Amino acid sequence: MAFNDLIRGLRDTEQQLLKQLKGVRTAIASLQFGSAVSPAMPDRPVVRKLRRLSAKARAAISRAQKLRWAKQRAEKK
C-alpha cells in the first residue's frame, strides 16, 4: 500500500507542476505578445516576416513627404 500511495503522491505532484508550468508559459506569452493572448497561442514565439519597401517606393514616400513639408513651410510665410 505504501508504494501505491507514493506513486499517487508523485502523480499528484506532477499534475500540480504541470499546472504551474502552464501558468508560467501563459505569463511569458502575455509579455511577448501583449495583453490579448488567447489560450491557443503557440508555445514557441511566432517569427514575423519583415516587410521591405522597394527603392522606388521609398523614393516616392520621400518625395511626397518633402512636398508636404514644403507646403507647410510656404503656409507659414
N, C-alpha and C. Protein backbone atom coordinates (compact mmCIF):
# COMPACT_ATOMS: atom_id res chain seq x y z
N MET A 1 0.81 -1.20 0.00
CA MET A 1 0.00 0.00 0.00
C MET A 1 0.85 1.27 0.00
N ALA A 2 1.93 1.29 0.71
CA ALA A 2 2.78 2.46 0.83
C ALA A 2 3.36 2.83 -0.54
N PHE A 3 3.68 1.80 -1.32
CA PHE A 3 4.22 2.05 -2.65
C PHE A 3 3.18 2.72 -3.55
N ASN A 4 1.94 2.24 -3.49
CA ASN A 4 0.86 2.84 -4.28
C ASN A 4 0.59 4.28 -3.85
N ASP A 5 0.67 4.54 -2.55
CA ASP A 5 0.49 5.90 -2.05
C ASP A 5 1.60 6.81 -2.55
N LEU A 6 2.82 6.28 -2.60
CA LEU A 6 3.95 7.04 -3.11
C LEU A 6 3.74 7.40 -4.58
N ILE A 7 3.32 6.44 -5.38
CA ILE A 7 3.05 6.67 -6.81
C ILE A 7 1.95 7.71 -6.98
N ARG A 8 0.87 7.56 -6.21
CA ARG A 8 -0.24 8.51 -6.29
C ARG A 8 0.22 9.92 -5.91
N GLY A 9 1.03 10.03 -4.88
CA GLY A 9 1.55 11.33 -4.46
C GLY A 9 2.44 11.96 -5.53
N LEU A 10 3.26 11.14 -6.17
CA LEU A 10 4.11 11.64 -7.25
C LEU A 10 3.28 12.11 -8.44
N ARG A 11 2.23 11.38 -8.76
CA ARG A 11 1.36 11.80 -9.88
C ARG A 11 0.64 13.10 -9.55
N ASP A 12 0.20 13.23 -8.30
CA ASP A 12 -0.45 14.49 -7.89
C ASP A 12 0.53 15.66 -8.01
N THR A 13 1.75 15.44 -7.55
CA THR A 13 2.78 16.47 -7.65
C THR A 13 3.06 16.82 -9.10
N GLU A 14 3.09 15.79 -9.95
CA GLU A 14 3.32 16.03 -11.38
C GLU A 14 2.21 16.91 -11.96
N GLN A 15 0.96 16.65 -11.61
CA GLN A 15 -0.15 17.45 -12.11
C GLN A 15 -0.06 18.90 -11.62
N GLN A 16 0.34 19.09 -10.37
CA GLN A 16 0.50 20.44 -9.84
C GLN A 16 1.60 21.18 -10.59
N LEU A 17 2.70 20.50 -10.85
CA LEU A 17 3.80 21.13 -11.57
C LEU A 17 3.41 21.48 -13.00
N LEU A 18 2.62 20.61 -13.64
CA LEU A 18 2.16 20.90 -15.00
C LEU A 18 1.26 22.13 -15.02
N LYS A 19 0.41 22.28 -14.01
CA LYS A 19 -0.44 23.47 -13.92
C LYS A 19 0.41 24.73 -13.74
N GLN A 20 1.43 24.64 -12.89
CA GLN A 20 2.31 25.78 -12.67
C GLN A 20 3.07 26.13 -13.95
N LEU A 21 3.54 25.12 -14.66
CA LEU A 21 4.26 25.34 -15.91
C LEU A 21 3.36 26.02 -16.94
N LYS A 22 2.12 25.59 -17.01
CA LYS A 22 1.17 26.21 -17.92
C LYS A 22 0.98 27.69 -17.57
N GLY A 23 0.89 28.00 -16.28
CA GLY A 23 0.75 29.38 -15.84
C GLY A 23 1.97 30.21 -16.21
N VAL A 24 3.16 29.65 -16.06
CA VAL A 24 4.39 30.36 -16.41
C VAL A 24 4.43 30.61 -17.91
N ARG A 25 4.07 29.61 -18.70
CA ARG A 25 4.06 29.78 -20.16
C ARG A 25 3.06 30.83 -20.59
N THR A 26 1.91 30.87 -19.93
CA THR A 26 0.90 31.88 -20.25
C THR A 26 1.42 33.28 -19.91
N ALA A 27 2.11 33.40 -18.78
CA ALA A 27 2.66 34.70 -18.39
C ALA A 27 3.72 35.15 -19.39
N ILE A 28 4.57 34.24 -19.81
CA ILE A 28 5.60 34.58 -20.79
C ILE A 28 4.95 35.01 -22.10
N ALA A 29 3.95 34.27 -22.54
CA ALA A 29 3.27 34.60 -23.80
C ALA A 29 2.60 35.97 -23.71
N SER A 30 2.00 36.28 -22.56
CA SER A 30 1.34 37.58 -22.44
C SER A 30 2.35 38.72 -22.48
N LEU A 31 3.54 38.48 -21.96
CA LEU A 31 4.58 39.51 -22.01
C LEU A 31 5.14 39.66 -23.42
N GLN A 32 5.21 38.55 -24.15
CA GLN A 32 5.76 38.60 -25.50
C GLN A 32 4.77 39.17 -26.51
N PHE A 33 3.51 38.80 -26.38
CA PHE A 33 2.53 39.13 -27.40
C PHE A 33 1.56 40.22 -26.99
N GLY A 34 1.69 40.79 -25.83
CA GLY A 34 0.76 41.81 -25.38
C GLY A 34 -0.34 41.19 -24.53
N SER A 35 -1.34 41.99 -24.21
CA SER A 35 -2.37 41.54 -23.28
C SER A 35 -3.43 40.68 -23.93
N ALA A 36 -3.55 40.71 -25.24
CA ALA A 36 -4.59 39.94 -25.93
C ALA A 36 -4.07 38.57 -26.30
N VAL A 37 -3.84 37.74 -25.29
CA VAL A 37 -3.30 36.41 -25.53
C VAL A 37 -4.41 35.39 -25.33
N SER A 38 -4.59 34.54 -26.30
CA SER A 38 -5.59 33.50 -26.17
C SER A 38 -4.89 32.22 -25.75
N PRO A 39 -5.62 31.29 -25.17
CA PRO A 39 -5.01 30.02 -24.78
C PRO A 39 -4.47 29.23 -25.98
N ALA A 40 -4.89 29.61 -27.17
CA ALA A 40 -4.45 28.89 -28.36
C ALA A 40 -3.11 29.38 -28.89
N MET A 41 -2.46 30.31 -28.19
CA MET A 41 -1.17 30.83 -28.64
C MET A 41 -0.15 29.69 -28.62
N PRO A 42 0.72 29.64 -29.57
CA PRO A 42 1.71 28.57 -29.61
C PRO A 42 2.74 28.71 -28.48
N ASP A 43 3.37 27.59 -28.12
CA ASP A 43 4.38 27.62 -27.07
C ASP A 43 5.64 28.31 -27.54
N ARG A 44 5.91 28.25 -28.84
CA ARG A 44 7.11 28.90 -29.36
C ARG A 44 6.72 30.25 -29.97
N PRO A 45 7.63 31.21 -29.93
CA PRO A 45 7.29 32.53 -30.46
C PRO A 45 7.07 32.52 -31.97
N VAL A 46 6.18 33.38 -32.41
CA VAL A 46 5.89 33.49 -33.83
C VAL A 46 6.89 34.47 -34.44
N VAL A 47 7.57 34.04 -35.48
CA VAL A 47 8.54 34.90 -36.15
C VAL A 47 7.82 35.61 -37.28
N ARG A 48 7.79 36.92 -37.20
CA ARG A 48 7.09 37.70 -38.22
C ARG A 48 8.07 38.13 -39.30
N LYS A 49 7.64 38.00 -40.53
CA LYS A 49 8.47 38.39 -41.65
C LYS A 49 8.44 39.91 -41.80
N LEU A 50 9.62 40.50 -41.93
CA LEU A 50 9.69 41.95 -42.09
C LEU A 50 9.26 42.34 -43.49
N ARG A 51 8.49 43.39 -43.57
CA ARG A 51 8.07 43.90 -44.87
C ARG A 51 9.10 44.92 -45.33
N ARG A 52 9.56 44.78 -46.54
CA ARG A 52 10.57 45.69 -47.06
C ARG A 52 10.02 46.46 -48.24
N LEU A 53 10.30 47.75 -48.25
CA LEU A 53 9.87 48.58 -49.36
C LEU A 53 10.94 48.57 -50.44
N SER A 54 10.50 48.65 -51.65
CA SER A 54 11.45 48.76 -52.75
C SER A 54 12.06 50.17 -52.74
N ALA A 55 13.16 50.32 -53.45
CA ALA A 55 13.80 51.64 -53.54
C ALA A 55 12.86 52.64 -54.19
N LYS A 56 12.10 52.19 -55.16
CA LYS A 56 11.15 53.06 -55.86
C LYS A 56 10.07 53.55 -54.88
N ALA A 57 9.57 52.65 -54.05
CA ALA A 57 8.53 53.02 -53.09
C ALA A 57 9.08 53.99 -52.04
N ARG A 58 10.31 53.72 -51.54
CA ARG A 58 10.92 54.64 -50.57
C ARG A 58 11.11 56.03 -51.17
N ALA A 59 11.54 56.08 -52.43
CA ALA A 59 11.75 57.37 -53.10
C ALA A 59 10.42 58.12 -53.24
N ALA A 60 9.35 57.41 -53.58
CA ALA A 60 8.04 58.04 -53.74
C ALA A 60 7.55 58.60 -52.40
N ILE A 61 7.74 57.84 -51.31
CA ILE A 61 7.33 58.31 -49.99
C ILE A 61 8.14 59.52 -49.59
N SER A 62 9.45 59.48 -49.85
CA SER A 62 10.33 60.61 -49.53
C SER A 62 9.91 61.86 -50.29
N ARG A 63 9.64 61.69 -51.57
CA ARG A 63 9.23 62.82 -52.42
C ARG A 63 7.93 63.43 -51.91
N ALA A 64 6.97 62.58 -51.57
CA ALA A 64 5.67 63.06 -51.09
C ALA A 64 5.83 63.80 -49.76
N GLN A 65 6.67 63.27 -48.87
CA GLN A 65 6.86 63.94 -47.58
C GLN A 65 7.54 65.29 -47.76
N LYS A 66 8.52 65.37 -48.64
CA LYS A 66 9.20 66.63 -48.89
C LYS A 66 8.24 67.67 -49.46
N LEU A 67 7.31 67.23 -50.31
CA LEU A 67 6.29 68.15 -50.82
C LEU A 67 5.38 68.65 -49.71
N ARG A 68 5.01 67.77 -48.77
CA ARG A 68 4.16 68.18 -47.65
C ARG A 68 4.90 69.21 -46.78
N TRP A 69 6.19 68.96 -46.53
CA TRP A 69 6.97 69.90 -45.73
C TRP A 69 7.08 71.25 -46.44
N ALA A 70 7.31 71.21 -47.75
CA ALA A 70 7.43 72.47 -48.50
C ALA A 70 6.12 73.24 -48.44
N LYS A 71 5.01 72.55 -48.55
CA LYS A 71 3.70 73.20 -48.49
C LYS A 71 3.48 73.81 -47.12
N GLN A 72 3.87 73.07 -46.07
CA GLN A 72 3.71 73.58 -44.73
C GLN A 72 4.58 74.82 -44.49
N ARG A 73 5.82 74.81 -44.98
CA ARG A 73 6.69 75.98 -44.85
C ARG A 73 6.14 77.18 -45.61
N ALA A 74 5.55 76.92 -46.79
CA ALA A 74 5.00 78.00 -47.61
C ALA A 74 3.80 78.64 -46.90
N GLU A 75 3.02 77.85 -46.20
CA GLU A 75 1.84 78.37 -45.50
C GLU A 75 2.23 79.24 -44.29
N LYS A 76 3.40 78.99 -43.72
CA LYS A 76 3.86 79.78 -42.56
C LYS A 76 4.27 81.18 -42.96
N LYS A 77 4.72 81.36 -44.21
CA LYS A 77 5.20 82.66 -44.66
C LYS A 77 4.11 83.63 -44.94
